[in-house]
Amino acid sequence: MDGVTCGGCALSAAGAIAAPALWLSMPRTQRHLGGSFENEGMNLKVLFTELPFVVLGGALLPLLVFTLLVRWVGRRRSFHNGT
């Protein structure tokens, strides 16, 4: 395994951890999980409907950006080398 592959995996793992943490800190999510007055508006369905998409988005979006960046830098290097 090379450094680029390890970097992509590490970035994907960090995104999969950071995205739910950010999602949980949002006022809308806190309200749905019981953070409002006397649990008004509590809706635990968000754990099954939103949370999987948040984790997938957090893992895949940084990986996509990293992949595009690596390809772009690789093309610039091959262009400058004349190949």
N, C-alpha and C. Protein backbone atom coordinates (compact mmCIF):
# COMPACT_ATOMS: atom_id res chain seq x y z
N MET A 1 0.85 -1.18 0.00
CA MET A 1 0.00 0.00 0.00
C MET A 1 0.89 1.24 0.00
N ASP A 2 0.60 2.18 -0.86
CA ASP A 2 1.42 3.38 -0.91
C ASP A 2 0.81 4.50 -0.05
N GLY A 3 1.54 5.59 0.03
CA GLY A 3 1.13 6.70 0.88
C GLY A 3 -0.16 7.36 0.43
N VAL A 4 -0.40 7.42 -0.87
CA VAL A 4 -1.63 8.04 -1.38
C VAL A 4 -2.85 7.23 -0.96
N THR A 5 -2.74 5.92 -1.07
CA THR A 5 -3.85 5.06 -0.67
C THR A 5 -4.12 5.18 0.83
N CYS A 6 -3.08 5.17 1.63
CA CYS A 6 -3.25 5.32 3.08
C CYS A 6 -3.84 6.68 3.43
N GLY A 7 -3.41 7.71 2.72
CA GLY A 7 -3.95 9.05 2.96
C GLY A 7 -5.43 9.13 2.63
N GLY A 8 -5.84 8.50 1.53
CA GLY A 8 -7.26 8.48 1.17
C GLY A 8 -8.09 7.73 2.18
N CYS A 9 -7.59 6.61 2.66
CA CYS A 9 -8.33 5.84 3.67
C CYS A 9 -8.43 6.60 4.98
N ALA A 10 -7.35 7.24 5.39
CA ALA A 10 -7.36 8.02 6.63
C ALA A 10 -8.33 9.20 6.51
N LEU A 11 -8.34 9.86 5.37
CA LEU A 11 -9.24 10.99 5.16
C LEU A 11 -10.70 10.53 5.17
N SER A 12 -10.96 9.39 4.58
CA SER A 12 -12.31 8.83 4.56
C SER A 12 -12.77 8.47 5.98
N ALA A 13 -11.89 7.87 6.76
CA ALA A 13 -12.23 7.51 8.14
C ALA A 13 -12.48 8.76 8.98
N ALA A 14 -11.64 9.78 8.80
CA ALA A 14 -11.82 11.03 9.55
C ALA A 14 -13.15 11.68 9.18
N GLY A 15 -13.51 11.65 7.91
CA GLY A 15 -14.79 12.22 7.48
C GLY A 15 -15.97 11.46 8.04
N ALA A 16 -15.85 10.13 8.09
CA ALA A 16 -16.94 9.31 8.63
C ALA A 16 -17.13 9.53 10.12
N ILE A 17 -16.10 9.98 10.81
CA ILE A 17 -16.22 10.29 12.24
C ILE A 17 -16.66 11.73 12.44
N ALA A 18 -16.11 12.65 11.66
CA ALA A 18 -16.40 14.07 11.84
C ALA A 18 -17.81 14.45 11.41
N ALA A 19 -18.31 13.84 10.34
CA ALA A 19 -19.63 14.21 9.83
C ALA A 19 -20.75 13.95 10.85
N PRO A 20 -20.81 12.77 11.47
CA PRO A 20 -21.86 12.58 12.49
C PRO A 20 -21.68 13.48 13.71
N ALA A 21 -20.44 13.78 14.07
CA ALA A 21 -20.21 14.69 15.19
C ALA A 21 -20.76 16.08 14.88
N LEU A 22 -20.53 16.54 13.66
CA LEU A 22 -21.07 17.83 13.24
C LEU A 22 -22.59 17.76 13.15
N TRP A 23 -23.12 16.68 12.62
CA TRP A 23 -24.56 16.50 12.50
C TRP A 23 -25.23 16.53 13.87
N LEU A 24 -24.60 15.88 14.86
CA LEU A 24 -25.17 15.86 16.22
C LEU A 24 -25.14 17.23 16.89
N SER A 25 -24.24 18.11 16.46
CA SER A 25 -24.15 19.42 17.09
C SER A 25 -25.12 20.43 16.50
N MET A 26 -25.81 20.08 15.43
CA MET A 26 -26.75 21.00 14.81
C MET A 26 -28.02 21.14 15.66
N PRO A 27 -28.57 22.36 15.76
CA PRO A 27 -29.78 22.57 16.57
C PRO A 27 -30.97 21.73 16.11
N ARG A 28 -31.12 21.55 14.81
CA ARG A 28 -32.24 20.76 14.29
C ARG A 28 -32.13 19.31 14.76
N THR A 29 -30.94 18.74 14.72
CA THR A 29 -30.74 17.36 15.15
C THR A 29 -30.95 17.24 16.66
N GLN A 30 -30.45 18.19 17.42
CA GLN A 30 -30.63 18.15 18.87
C GLN A 30 -32.11 18.22 19.23
N ARG A 31 -32.88 19.00 18.48
CA ARG A 31 -34.32 19.10 18.75
C ARG A 31 -34.99 17.76 18.47
N HIS A 32 -34.62 17.10 17.37
CA HIS A 32 -35.23 15.81 17.04
C HIS A 32 -34.82 14.72 18.01
N LEU A 33 -33.66 14.84 18.62
CA LEU A 33 -33.19 13.81 19.55
C LEU A 33 -33.53 14.13 21.00
N GLY A 34 -34.39 15.11 21.23
CA GLY A 34 -34.86 15.38 22.57
C GLY A 34 -34.22 16.56 23.24
N GLY A 35 -33.60 17.44 22.50
CA GLY A 35 -32.96 18.60 23.09
C GLY A 35 -33.87 19.79 23.27
N SER A 36 -35.15 19.63 22.96
CA SER A 36 -36.08 20.76 23.10
C SER A 36 -36.79 20.68 24.44
N PHE A 37 -37.65 21.62 24.70
CA PHE A 37 -38.37 21.70 25.97
C PHE A 37 -39.27 20.49 26.15
N GLU A 38 -39.05 19.74 27.20
CA GLU A 38 -39.83 18.55 27.55
C GLU A 38 -39.97 17.58 26.38
N ASN A 39 -38.93 17.46 25.60
CA ASN A 39 -38.86 16.53 24.47
C ASN A 39 -39.95 16.76 23.42
N GLU A 40 -40.42 18.00 23.30
CA GLU A 40 -41.38 18.31 22.25
C GLU A 40 -40.70 18.17 20.90
N GLY A 41 -41.37 17.60 19.97
CA GLY A 41 -40.83 17.43 18.63
C GLY A 41 -39.78 16.33 18.53
N MET A 42 -39.70 15.47 19.52
CA MET A 42 -38.71 14.39 19.49
C MET A 42 -39.06 13.40 18.39
N ASN A 43 -38.09 13.07 17.56
CA ASN A 43 -38.31 12.19 16.43
C ASN A 43 -37.05 11.35 16.24
N LEU A 44 -37.08 10.14 16.75
CA LEU A 44 -35.91 9.28 16.67
C LEU A 44 -35.74 8.62 15.31
N LYS A 45 -36.69 8.85 14.39
CA LYS A 45 -36.55 8.29 13.04
C LYS A 45 -35.36 8.89 12.31
N VAL A 46 -34.89 10.06 12.76
CA VAL A 46 -33.73 10.66 12.09
C VAL A 46 -32.50 9.78 12.22
N LEU A 47 -32.44 8.94 13.26
CA LEU A 47 -31.31 8.03 13.41
C LEU A 47 -31.27 6.99 12.30
N PHE A 48 -32.43 6.63 11.78
CA PHE A 48 -32.50 5.63 10.72
C PHE A 48 -32.56 6.25 9.33
N THR A 49 -33.02 7.48 9.23
CA THR A 49 -33.18 8.09 7.91
C THR A 49 -32.02 9.01 7.54
N GLU A 50 -31.55 9.81 8.48
CA GLU A 50 -30.50 10.78 8.17
C GLU A 50 -29.09 10.30 8.50
N LEU A 51 -28.94 9.64 9.63
CA LEU A 51 -27.60 9.26 10.09
C LEU A 51 -26.83 8.39 9.09
N PRO A 52 -27.44 7.39 8.45
CA PRO A 52 -26.66 6.61 7.46
C PRO A 52 -26.14 7.47 6.31
N PHE A 53 -26.96 8.42 5.86
CA PHE A 53 -26.52 9.29 4.77
C PHE A 53 -25.42 10.24 5.22
N VAL A 54 -25.48 10.67 6.47
CA VAL A 54 -24.44 11.55 7.00
C VAL A 54 -23.11 10.81 7.06
N VAL A 55 -23.13 9.57 7.54
CA VAL A 55 -21.90 8.79 7.63
C VAL A 55 -21.34 8.49 6.24
N LEU A 56 -22.20 8.09 5.31
CA LEU A 56 -21.74 7.81 3.94
C LEU A 56 -21.20 9.06 3.27
N GLY A 57 -21.91 10.17 3.42
CA GLY A 57 -21.44 11.42 2.84
C GLY A 57 -20.13 11.87 3.45
N GLY A 58 -20.01 11.70 4.76
CA GLY A 58 -18.78 12.08 5.44
C GLY A 58 -17.60 11.23 5.02
N ALA A 59 -17.85 9.98 4.66
CA ALA A 59 -16.77 9.10 4.22
C ALA A 59 -16.45 9.27 2.75
N LEU A 60 -17.47 9.47 1.92
CA LEU A 60 -17.26 9.49 0.48
C LEU A 60 -16.86 10.85 -0.08
N LEU A 61 -17.39 11.92 0.47
CA LEU A 61 -17.08 13.25 -0.07
C LEU A 61 -15.60 13.60 0.07
N PRO A 62 -14.98 13.44 1.25
CA PRO A 62 -13.53 13.72 1.32
C PRO A 62 -12.71 12.80 0.42
N LEU A 63 -13.12 11.55 0.29
CA LEU A 63 -12.41 10.61 -0.58
C LEU A 63 -12.51 11.03 -2.04
N LEU A 64 -13.68 11.51 -2.45
CA LEU A 64 -13.85 11.98 -3.83
C LEU A 64 -12.98 13.21 -4.10
N VAL A 65 -12.98 14.16 -3.18
CA VAL A 65 -12.16 15.36 -3.35
C VAL A 65 -10.67 14.98 -3.38
N PHE A 66 -10.26 14.09 -2.52
CA PHE A 66 -8.86 13.65 -2.47
C PHE A 66 -8.46 12.96 -3.78
N THR A 67 -9.34 12.11 -4.29
CA THR A 67 -9.06 11.41 -5.55
C THR A 67 -8.93 12.39 -6.70
N LEU A 68 -9.83 13.34 -6.78
CA LEU A 68 -9.76 14.34 -7.85
C LEU A 68 -8.49 15.18 -7.73
N LEU A 69 -8.12 15.53 -6.52
CA LEU A 69 -6.91 16.31 -6.30
C LEU A 69 -5.66 15.54 -6.71
N VAL A 70 -5.60 14.26 -6.34
CA VAL A 70 -4.44 13.44 -6.71
C VAL A 70 -4.34 13.29 -8.22
N ARG A 71 -5.47 13.08 -8.89
CA ARG A 71 -5.45 12.96 -10.35
C ARG A 71 -5.03 14.28 -11.00
N TRP A 72 -5.52 15.39 -10.48
CA TRP A 72 -5.18 16.70 -11.04
C TRP A 72 -3.69 16.99 -10.88
N VAL A 73 -3.14 16.69 -9.70
CA VAL A 73 -1.71 16.90 -9.47
C VAL A 73 -0.89 15.95 -10.35
N GLY A 74 -1.34 14.72 -10.51
CA GLY A 74 -0.64 13.77 -11.37
C GLY A 74 -0.61 14.21 -12.82
N ARG A 75 -1.69 14.77 -13.30
CA ARG A 75 -1.72 15.28 -14.68
C ARG A 75 -0.82 16.47 -14.86
N ARG A 76 -0.77 17.33 -13.85
CA ARG A 76 0.11 18.50 -13.95
C ARG A 76 1.56 18.04 -13.99
N ARG A 77 1.91 17.05 -13.21
CA ARG A 77 3.30 16.55 -13.21
C ARG A 77 3.64 15.92 -14.54
N SER A 78 2.74 15.12 -15.11
CA SER A 78 3.04 14.48 -16.40
C SER A 78 3.07 15.51 -17.51
N PHE A 79 2.29 16.58 -17.40
CA PHE A 79 2.32 17.65 -18.39
C PHE A 79 3.64 18.38 -18.36
N HIS A 80 4.15 18.65 -17.15
CA HIS A 80 5.41 19.36 -17.02
C HIS A 80 6.61 18.49 -17.38
N ASN A 81 6.48 17.18 -17.25
CA ASN A 81 7.57 16.27 -17.62
C ASN A 81 7.58 15.97 -19.12
N GLY A 82 6.54 16.34 -19.83
CA GLY A 82 6.49 16.16 -21.27
C GLY A 82 6.02 14.80 -21.71
N THR A 83 5.42 14.03 -20.80
CA THR A 83 4.92 12.70 -21.19
C THR A 83 3.44 12.71 -21.36
